[in-house]
Amino acid sequence: EGDARDMYRILFHIISTLPDDTWVYCGHEY
């Protein structure tokens, strides 16, 4: 329900701004 521009904003302006030592718990074992 979005596009690459949406995901780029999420990855680089939201998620990447969290501290590097933040644990990441995702939704699937992929």
PDB file of all heavy atoms in Angstrom:
ATOM      1  N   GLU A   1       0.834  -1.203   0.000  1.00  0.00           N
ATOM      2  CA  GLU A   1       0.000   0.000   0.000  1.00  0.00           C
ATOM      3  C   GLU A   1       0.872   1.258   0.000  1.00  0.00           C
ATOM      4  O   GLU A   1       0.476   2.300   0.531  1.00  0.00           O
ATOM      5  CB  GLU A   1      -0.951  -0.026   1.196  1.00  0.00           C
ATOM      6  CG  GLU A   1      -1.934  -1.195   1.135  1.00  0.00           C
ATOM      7  CD  GLU A   1      -2.931  -1.230   2.291  1.00  0.00           C
ATOM      8  OE1 GLU A   1      -2.849  -0.387   3.203  1.00  0.00           O
ATOM      9  OE2 GLU A   1      -3.811  -2.114   2.267  1.00  0.00           O
ATOM     10  N   GLY A   2       2.038   1.164  -0.610  1.00  0.00           N
ATOM     11  CA  GLY A   2       2.940   2.294  -0.710  1.00  0.00           C
ATOM     12  C   GLY A   2       3.914   2.049  -1.846  1.00  0.00           C
ATOM     13  O   GLY A   2       3.721   1.151  -2.667  1.00  0.00           O
ATOM     14  N   ASP A   3       4.969   2.839  -1.899  1.00  0.00           N
ATOM     15  CA  ASP A   3       5.950   2.685  -2.969  1.00  0.00           C
ATOM     16  C   ASP A   3       7.357   2.873  -2.411  1.00  0.00           C
ATOM     17  O   ASP A   3       7.547   3.042  -1.196  1.00  0.00           O
ATOM     18  CB  ASP A   3       5.669   3.652  -4.119  1.00  0.00           C
ATOM     19  CG  ASP A   3       5.650   5.122  -3.681  1.00  0.00           C
ATOM     20  OD1 ASP A   3       6.282   5.456  -2.651  1.00  0.00           O
ATOM     21  OD2 ASP A   3       5.003   5.944  -4.370  1.00  0.00           O
ATOM     22  N   ALA A   4       8.342   2.834  -3.308  1.00  0.00           N
ATOM     23  CA  ALA A   4       9.737   2.913  -2.879  1.00  0.00           C
ATOM     24  C   ALA A   4      10.050   4.218  -2.166  1.00  0.00           C
ATOM     25  O   ALA A   4      10.854   4.255  -1.236  1.00  0.00           O
ATOM     26  CB  ALA A   4      10.660   2.722  -4.085  1.00  0.00           C
ATOM     27  N   ARG A   5       9.408   5.307  -2.599  1.00  0.00           N
ATOM     28  CA  ARG A   5       9.659   6.590  -1.941  1.00  0.00           C
ATOM     29  C   ARG A   5       9.170   6.557  -0.496  1.00  0.00           C
ATOM     30  O   ARG A   5       9.836   7.082   0.414  1.00  0.00           O
ATOM     31  CB  ARG A   5       8.991   7.729  -2.715  1.00  0.00           C
ATOM     32  CG  ARG A   5       9.385   9.107  -2.239  1.00  0.00           C
ATOM     33  CD  ARG A   5       9.012  10.183  -3.248  1.00  0.00           C
ATOM     34  NE  ARG A   5       9.678  10.003  -4.526  1.00  0.00           N
ATOM     35  CZ  ARG A   5      10.947  10.351  -4.760  1.00  0.00           C
ATOM     36  NH1 ARG A   5      11.673  10.896  -3.797  1.00  0.00           N
ATOM     37  NH2 ARG A   5      11.473  10.171  -5.950  1.00  0.00           N
ATOM     38  N   ASP A   6       8.016   5.926  -0.269  1.00  0.00           N
ATOM     39  CA  ASP A   6       7.515   5.770   1.108  1.00  0.00           C
ATOM     40  C   ASP A   6       8.500   4.959   1.946  1.00  0.00           C
ATOM     41  O   ASP A   6       8.820   5.333   3.081  1.00  0.00           O
ATOM     42  CB  ASP A   6       6.162   5.056   1.104  1.00  0.00           C
ATOM     43  CG  ASP A   6       5.075   5.847   0.405  1.00  0.00           C
ATOM     44  OD1 ASP A   6       5.070   7.083   0.524  1.00  0.00           O
ATOM     45  OD2 ASP A   6       4.235   5.215  -0.270  1.00  0.00           O
ATOM     46  N   MET A   7       8.965   3.843   1.387  1.00  0.00           N
ATOM     47  CA  MET A   7       9.867   2.986   2.152  1.00  0.00           C
ATOM     48  C   MET A   7      11.208   3.666   2.399  1.00  0.00           C
ATOM     49  O   MET A   7      11.798   3.516   3.471  1.00  0.00           O
ATOM     50  CB  MET A   7      10.067   1.652   1.433  1.00  0.00           C
ATOM     51  CG  MET A   7      10.910   0.648   2.220  1.00  0.00           C
ATOM     52  SD  MET A   7      10.269   0.213   3.863  1.00  0.00           S
ATOM     53  CE  MET A   7       8.994  -0.991   3.422  1.00  0.00           C
ATOM     54  N   TYR A   8      11.682   4.425   1.428  1.00  0.00           N
ATOM     55  CA  TYR A   8      12.946   5.147   1.627  1.00  0.00           C
ATOM     56  C   TYR A   8      12.818   6.113   2.809  1.00  0.00           C
ATOM     57  O   TYR A   8      13.714   6.184   3.669  1.00  0.00           O
ATOM     58  CB  TYR A   8      13.331   5.912   0.359  1.00  0.00           C
ATOM     59  CG  TYR A   8      14.680   6.584   0.481  1.00  0.00           C
ATOM     60  CD1 TYR A   8      15.852   5.900   0.176  1.00  0.00           C
ATOM     61  CD2 TYR A   8      14.786   7.899   0.927  1.00  0.00           C
ATOM     62  CE1 TYR A   8      17.095   6.511   0.307  1.00  0.00           C
ATOM     63  CE2 TYR A   8      16.015   8.515   1.061  1.00  0.00           C
ATOM     64  CZ  TYR A   8      17.165   7.817   0.751  1.00  0.00           C
ATOM     65  OH  TYR A   8      18.393   8.422   0.900  1.00  0.00           O
ATOM     66  N   ARG A   9      11.719   6.832   2.846  1.00  0.00           N
ATOM     67  CA  ARG A   9      11.505   7.775   3.961  1.00  0.00           C
ATOM     68  C   ARG A   9      11.491   7.037   5.294  1.00  0.00           C
ATOM     69  O   ARG A   9      12.095   7.484   6.280  1.00  0.00           O
ATOM     70  CB  ARG A   9      10.187   8.523   3.765  1.00  0.00           C
ATOM     71  CG  ARG A   9       9.900   9.585   4.832  1.00  0.00           C
ATOM     72  CD  ARG A   9       8.506  10.170   4.692  1.00  0.00           C
ATOM     73  NE  ARG A   9       7.472   9.195   5.010  1.00  0.00           N
ATOM     74  CZ  ARG A   9       7.074   8.919   6.252  1.00  0.00           C
ATOM     75  NH1 ARG A   9       7.630   9.516   7.295  1.00  0.00           N
ATOM     76  NH2 ARG A   9       6.123   8.031   6.462  1.00  0.00           N
ATOM     77  N   ILE A  10      10.820   5.898   5.321  1.00  0.00           N
ATOM     78  CA  ILE A  10      10.732   5.110   6.553  1.00  0.00           C
ATOM     79  C   ILE A  10      12.116   4.619   6.978  1.00  0.00           C
ATOM     80  O   ILE A  10      12.515   4.749   8.144  1.00  0.00           O
ATOM     81  CB  ILE A  10       9.775   3.913   6.342  1.00  0.00           C
ATOM     82  CG1 ILE A  10       8.330   4.402   6.239  1.00  0.00           C
ATOM     83  CG2 ILE A  10       9.920   2.900   7.467  1.00  0.00           C
ATOM     84  CD1 ILE A  10       7.387   3.378   5.636  1.00  0.00           C
ATOM     85  N   LEU A  11      12.856   4.049   6.031  1.00  0.00           N
ATOM     86  CA  LEU A  11      14.147   3.448   6.369  1.00  0.00           C
ATOM     87  C   LEU A  11      15.172   4.492   6.795  1.00  0.00           C
ATOM     88  O   LEU A  11      15.930   4.264   7.750  1.00  0.00           O
ATOM     89  CB  LEU A  11      14.686   2.648   5.178  1.00  0.00           C
ATOM     90  CG  LEU A  11      13.898   1.405   4.769  1.00  0.00           C
ATOM     91  CD1 LEU A  11      14.533   0.764   3.544  1.00  0.00           C
ATOM     92  CD2 LEU A  11      13.822   0.405   5.922  1.00  0.00           C
ATOM     93  N   PHE A  12      15.198   5.623   6.087  1.00  0.00           N
ATOM     94  CA  PHE A  12      16.291   6.566   6.309  1.00  0.00           C
ATOM     95  C   PHE A  12      15.927   7.760   7.184  1.00  0.00           C
ATOM     96  O   PHE A  12      16.815   8.409   7.734  1.00  0.00           O
ATOM     97  CB  PHE A  12      16.859   7.027   4.956  1.00  0.00           C
ATOM     98  CG  PHE A  12      17.603   5.916   4.269  1.00  0.00           C
ATOM     99  CD1 PHE A  12      16.955   5.085   3.363  1.00  0.00           C
ATOM    100  CD2 PHE A  12      18.923   5.660   4.576  1.00  0.00           C
ATOM    101  CE1 PHE A  12      17.623   4.034   2.759  1.00  0.00           C
ATOM    102  CE2 PHE A  12      19.604   4.609   3.980  1.00  0.00           C
ATOM    103  CZ  PHE A  12      18.962   3.798   3.070  1.00  0.00           C
ATOM    104  N   HIS A  13      14.642   8.035   7.350  1.00  0.00           N
ATOM    105  CA  HIS A  13      14.243   9.173   8.174  1.00  0.00           C
ATOM    106  C   HIS A  13      13.567   8.746   9.475  1.00  0.00           C
ATOM    107  O   HIS A  13      13.309   9.592  10.336  1.00  0.00           O
ATOM    108  CB  HIS A  13      13.321  10.112   7.388  1.00  0.00           C
ATOM    109  CG  HIS A  13      14.008  10.736   6.210  1.00  0.00           C
ATOM    110  ND1 HIS A  13      14.866  11.804   6.311  1.00  0.00           N
ATOM    111  CD2 HIS A  13      13.987  10.409   4.890  1.00  0.00           C
ATOM    112  CE1 HIS A  13      15.338  12.125   5.122  1.00  0.00           C
ATOM    113  NE2 HIS A  13      14.821  11.297   4.242  1.00  0.00           N
ATOM    114  N   ILE A  14      13.291   7.458   9.614  1.00  0.00           N
ATOM    115  CA  ILE A  14      12.672   6.968  10.854  1.00  0.00           C
ATOM    116  C   ILE A  14      13.545   5.864  11.467  1.00  0.00           C
ATOM    117  O   ILE A  14      14.160   6.053  12.516  1.00  0.00           O
ATOM    118  CB  ILE A  14      11.237   6.452  10.600  1.00  0.00           C
ATOM    119  CG1 ILE A  14      10.359   7.574  10.036  1.00  0.00           C
ATOM    120  CG2 ILE A  14      10.626   5.910  11.890  1.00  0.00           C
ATOM    121  CD1 ILE A  14       8.966   7.133   9.607  1.00  0.00           C
ATOM    122  N   ILE A  15      13.633   4.737  10.799  1.00  0.00           N
ATOM    123  CA  ILE A  15      14.290   3.572  11.394  1.00  0.00           C
ATOM    124  C   ILE A  15      15.788   3.798  11.588  1.00  0.00           C
ATOM    125  O   ILE A  15      16.347   3.500  12.650  1.00  0.00           O
ATOM    126  CB  ILE A  15      13.992   2.316  10.555  1.00  0.00           C
ATOM    127  CG1 ILE A  15      12.526   1.919  10.770  1.00  0.00           C
ATOM    128  CG2 ILE A  15      14.923   1.165  10.926  1.00  0.00           C
ATOM    129  CD1 ILE A  15      12.040   0.763   9.940  1.00  0.00           C
ATOM    130  N   SER A  16      16.464   4.336  10.570  1.00  0.00           N
ATOM    131  CA  SER A  16      17.914   4.538  10.673  1.00  0.00           C
ATOM    132  C   SER A  16      18.304   5.584  11.701  1.00  0.00           C
ATOM    133  O   SER A  16      19.475   5.653  12.103  1.00  0.00           O
ATOM    134  CB  SER A  16      18.495   4.944   9.321  1.00  0.00           C
ATOM    135  OG  SER A  16      18.501   3.868   8.431  1.00  0.00           O
ATOM    136  N   THR A  17      17.344   6.402  12.117  1.00  0.00           N
ATOM    137  CA  THR A  17      17.659   7.435  13.107  1.00  0.00           C
ATOM    138  C   THR A  17      17.622   6.894  14.533  1.00  0.00           C
ATOM    139  O   THR A  17      18.055   7.587  15.458  1.00  0.00           O
ATOM    140  CB  THR A  17      16.683   8.619  12.995  1.00  0.00           C
ATOM    141  OG1 THR A  17      15.360   8.188  13.339  1.00  0.00           O
ATOM    142  CG2 THR A  17      16.682   9.191  11.585  1.00  0.00           C
ATOM    143  N   LEU A  18      17.135   5.678  14.724  1.00  0.00           N
ATOM    144  CA  LEU A  18      17.151   5.072  16.058  1.00  0.00           C
ATOM    145  C   LEU A  18      18.592   4.727  16.426  1.00  0.00           C
ATOM    146  O   LEU A  18      19.424   4.482  15.552  1.00  0.00           O
ATOM    147  CB  LEU A  18      16.280   3.813  16.075  1.00  0.00           C
ATOM    148  CG  LEU A  18      14.789   3.997  15.744  1.00  0.00           C
ATOM    149  CD1 LEU A  18      14.088   2.656  15.711  1.00  0.00           C
ATOM    150  CD2 LEU A  18      14.123   4.932  16.736  1.00  0.00           C
ATOM    151  N   PRO A  19      18.908   4.693  17.710  1.00  0.00           N
ATOM    152  CA  PRO A  19      20.279   4.353  18.112  1.00  0.00           C
ATOM    153  C   PRO A  19      20.720   2.994  17.553  1.00  0.00           C
ATOM    154  O   PRO A  19      19.908   2.063  17.450  1.00  0.00           O
ATOM    155  CB  PRO A  19      20.198   4.319  19.642  1.00  0.00           C
ATOM    156  CG  PRO A  19      19.043   5.219  19.983  1.00  0.00           C
ATOM    157  CD  PRO A  19      18.052   5.021  18.880  1.00  0.00           C
ATOM    158  N   ASP A  20      22.001   2.898  17.209  1.00  0.00           N
ATOM    159  CA  ASP A  20      22.514   1.678  16.585  1.00  0.00           C
ATOM    160  C   ASP A  20      22.370   0.444  17.472  1.00  0.00           C
ATOM    161  O   ASP A  20      22.303  -0.678  16.973  1.00  0.00           O
ATOM    162  CB  ASP A  20      23.987   1.849  16.201  1.00  0.00           C
ATOM    163  CG  ASP A  20      24.170   2.623  14.905  1.00  0.00           C
ATOM    164  OD1 ASP A  20      23.151   2.905  14.227  1.00  0.00           O
ATOM    165  OD2 ASP A  20      25.327   2.949  14.565  1.00  0.00           O
ATOM    166  N   ASP A  21      22.330   0.640  18.796  1.00  0.00           N
ATOM    167  CA  ASP A  21      22.227  -0.523  19.686  1.00  0.00           C
ATOM    168  C   ASP A  21      20.779  -0.942  19.957  1.00  0.00           C
ATOM    169  O   ASP A  21      20.520  -1.813  20.796  1.00  0.00           O
ATOM    170  CB  ASP A  21      22.964  -0.260  21.007  1.00  0.00           C
ATOM    171  CG  ASP A  21      22.355   0.884  21.818  1.00  0.00           C
ATOM    172  OD1 ASP A  21      21.420   1.557  21.319  1.00  0.00           O
ATOM    173  OD2 ASP A  21      22.820   1.111  22.953  1.00  0.00           O
ATOM    174  N   THR A  22      19.839  -0.360  19.227  1.00  0.00           N
ATOM    175  CA  THR A  22      18.424  -0.745  19.366  1.00  0.00           C
ATOM    176  C   THR A  22      18.216  -2.155  18.832  1.00  0.00           C
ATOM    177  O   THR A  22      18.568  -2.463  17.696  1.00  0.00           O
ATOM    178  CB  THR A  22      17.521   0.228  18.584  1.00  0.00           C
ATOM    179  OG1 THR A  22      17.749   1.564  19.059  1.00  0.00           O
ATOM    180  CG2 THR A  22      16.058  -0.136  18.743  1.00  0.00           C
ATOM    181  N   TRP A  23      17.639  -3.003  19.648  1.00  0.00           N
ATOM    182  CA  TRP A  23      17.315  -4.364  19.202  1.00  0.00           C
ATOM    183  C   TRP A  23      16.165  -4.315  18.201  1.00  0.00           C
ATOM    184  O   TRP A  23      15.198  -3.578  18.401  1.00  0.00           O
ATOM    185  CB  TRP A  23      16.907  -5.249  20.385  1.00  0.00           C
ATOM    186  CG  TRP A  23      17.984  -5.481  21.398  1.00  0.00           C
ATOM    187  CD1 TRP A  23      18.045  -4.983  22.666  1.00  0.00           C
ATOM    188  CD2 TRP A  23      19.169  -6.274  21.226  1.00  0.00           C
ATOM    189  NE1 TRP A  23      19.187  -5.410  23.293  1.00  0.00           N
ATOM    190  CE2 TRP A  23      19.889  -6.199  22.436  1.00  0.00           C
ATOM    191  CE3 TRP A  23      19.680  -7.030  20.171  1.00  0.00           C
ATOM    192  CZ2 TRP A  23      21.112  -6.872  22.618  1.00  0.00           C
ATOM    193  CZ3 TRP A  23      20.888  -7.694  20.354  1.00  0.00           C
ATOM    194  CH2 TRP A  23      21.588  -7.607  21.557  1.00  0.00           C
ATOM    195  N   VAL A  24      16.260  -5.120  17.149  1.00  0.00           N
ATOM    196  CA  VAL A  24      15.223  -5.177  16.114  1.00  0.00           C
ATOM    197  C   VAL A  24      14.503  -6.519  16.207  1.00  0.00           C
ATOM    198  O   VAL A  24      15.119  -7.588  16.042  1.00  0.00           O
ATOM    199  CB  VAL A  24      15.828  -5.007  14.704  1.00  0.00           C
ATOM    200  CG1 VAL A  24      14.749  -5.195  13.635  1.00  0.00           C
ATOM    201  CG2 VAL A  24      16.490  -3.652  14.562  1.00  0.00           C
ATOM    202  N   TYR A  25      13.200  -6.460  16.478  1.00  0.00           N
ATOM    203  CA  TYR A  25      12.356  -7.658  16.534  1.00  0.00           C
ATOM    204  C   TYR A  25      11.323  -7.552  15.413  1.00  0.00           C
ATOM    205  O   TYR A  25      10.406  -6.739  15.475  1.00  0.00           O
ATOM    206  CB  TYR A  25      11.651  -7.754  17.893  1.00  0.00           C
ATOM    207  CG  TYR A  25      12.577  -8.088  19.039  1.00  0.00           C
ATOM    208  CD1 TYR A  25      13.176  -7.078  19.789  1.00  0.00           C
ATOM    209  CD2 TYR A  25      12.864  -9.413  19.369  1.00  0.00           C
ATOM    210  CE1 TYR A  25      14.026  -7.381  20.851  1.00  0.00           C
ATOM    211  CE2 TYR A  25      13.709  -9.732  20.423  1.00  0.00           C
ATOM    212  CZ  TYR A  25      14.277  -8.708  21.158  1.00  0.00           C
ATOM    213  OH  TYR A  25      15.130  -9.029  22.199  1.00  0.00           O
ATOM    214  N   CYS A  26      11.483  -8.373  14.393  1.00  0.00           N
ATOM    215  CA  CYS A  26      10.654  -8.263  13.189  1.00  0.00           C
ATOM    216  C   CYS A  26       9.505  -9.277  13.202  1.00  0.00           C
ATOM    217  O   CYS A  26       9.401 -10.107  14.107  1.00  0.00           O
ATOM    218  CB  CYS A  26      11.519  -8.443  11.943  1.00  0.00           C
ATOM    219  SG  CYS A  26      12.423 -10.008  11.871  1.00  0.00           S
ATOM    220  N   GLY A  27       8.677  -9.224  12.170  1.00  0.00           N
ATOM    221  CA  GLY A  27       7.436  -9.987  12.150  1.00  0.00           C
ATOM    222  C   GLY A  27       7.512 -11.388  11.574  1.00  0.00           C
ATOM    223  O   GLY A  27       6.567 -12.166  11.722  1.00  0.00           O
ATOM    224  N   HIS A  28       8.624 -11.717  10.899  1.00  0.00           N
ATOM    225  CA  HIS A  28       8.748 -13.037  10.275  1.00  0.00           C
ATOM    226  C   HIS A  28      10.174 -13.546  10.350  1.00  0.00           C
ATOM    227  O   HIS A  28      11.126 -12.769  10.384  1.00  0.00           O
ATOM    228  CB  HIS A  28       8.344 -12.981   8.789  1.00  0.00           C
ATOM    229  CG  HIS A  28       6.886 -12.791   8.557  1.00  0.00           C
ATOM    230  ND1 HIS A  28       5.999 -13.841   8.425  1.00  0.00           N
ATOM    231  CD2 HIS A  28       6.144 -11.658   8.429  1.00  0.00           C
ATOM    232  CE1 HIS A  28       4.776 -13.369   8.214  1.00  0.00           C
ATOM    233  NE2 HIS A  28       4.841 -12.043   8.219  1.00  0.00           N
ATOM    234  N   GLU A  29      10.307 -14.860  10.330  1.00  0.00           N
ATOM    235  CA  GLU A  29      11.610 -15.508  10.242  1.00  0.00           C
ATOM    236  C   GLU A  29      11.938 -15.730   8.761  1.00  0.00           C
ATOM    237  O   GLU A  29      11.644 -16.771   8.184  1.00  0.00           O
ATOM    238  CB  GLU A  29      11.593 -16.851  11.004  1.00  0.00           C
ATOM    239  CG  GLU A  29      12.904 -17.608  10.980  1.00  0.00           C
ATOM    240  CD  GLU A  29      14.090 -16.766  11.415  1.00  0.00           C
ATOM    241  OE1 GLU A  29      14.119 -16.323  12.578  1.00  0.00           O
ATOM    242  OE2 GLU A  29      14.979 -16.537  10.571  1.00  0.00           O
ATOM    243  N   TYR A  30      12.502 -14.692   8.163  1.00  0.00           N
ATOM    244  CA  TYR A  30      12.892 -14.714   6.747  1.00  0.00           C
ATOM    245  C   TYR A  30      14.405 -14.588   6.574  1.00  0.00           C
ATOM    246  O   TYR A  30      14.888 -14.329   5.473  1.00  0.00           O
ATOM    247  CB  TYR A  30      12.249 -13.527   6.000  1.00  0.00           C
ATOM    248  CG  TYR A  30      10.756 -13.570   5.800  1.00  0.00           C
ATOM    249  CD1 TYR A  30      10.061 -12.395   5.495  1.00  0.00           C
ATOM    250  CD2 TYR A  30      10.030 -14.753   5.880  1.00  0.00           C
ATOM    251  CE1 TYR A  30       8.683 -12.403   5.281  1.00  0.00           C
ATOM    252  CE2 TYR A  30       8.658 -14.761   5.681  1.00  0.00           C
ATOM    253  CZ  TYR A  30       7.989 -13.591   5.385  1.00  0.00           C
ATOM    254  OH  TYR A  30       6.631 -13.588   5.170  1.00  0.00           O
TER     255      TYR A  30
END
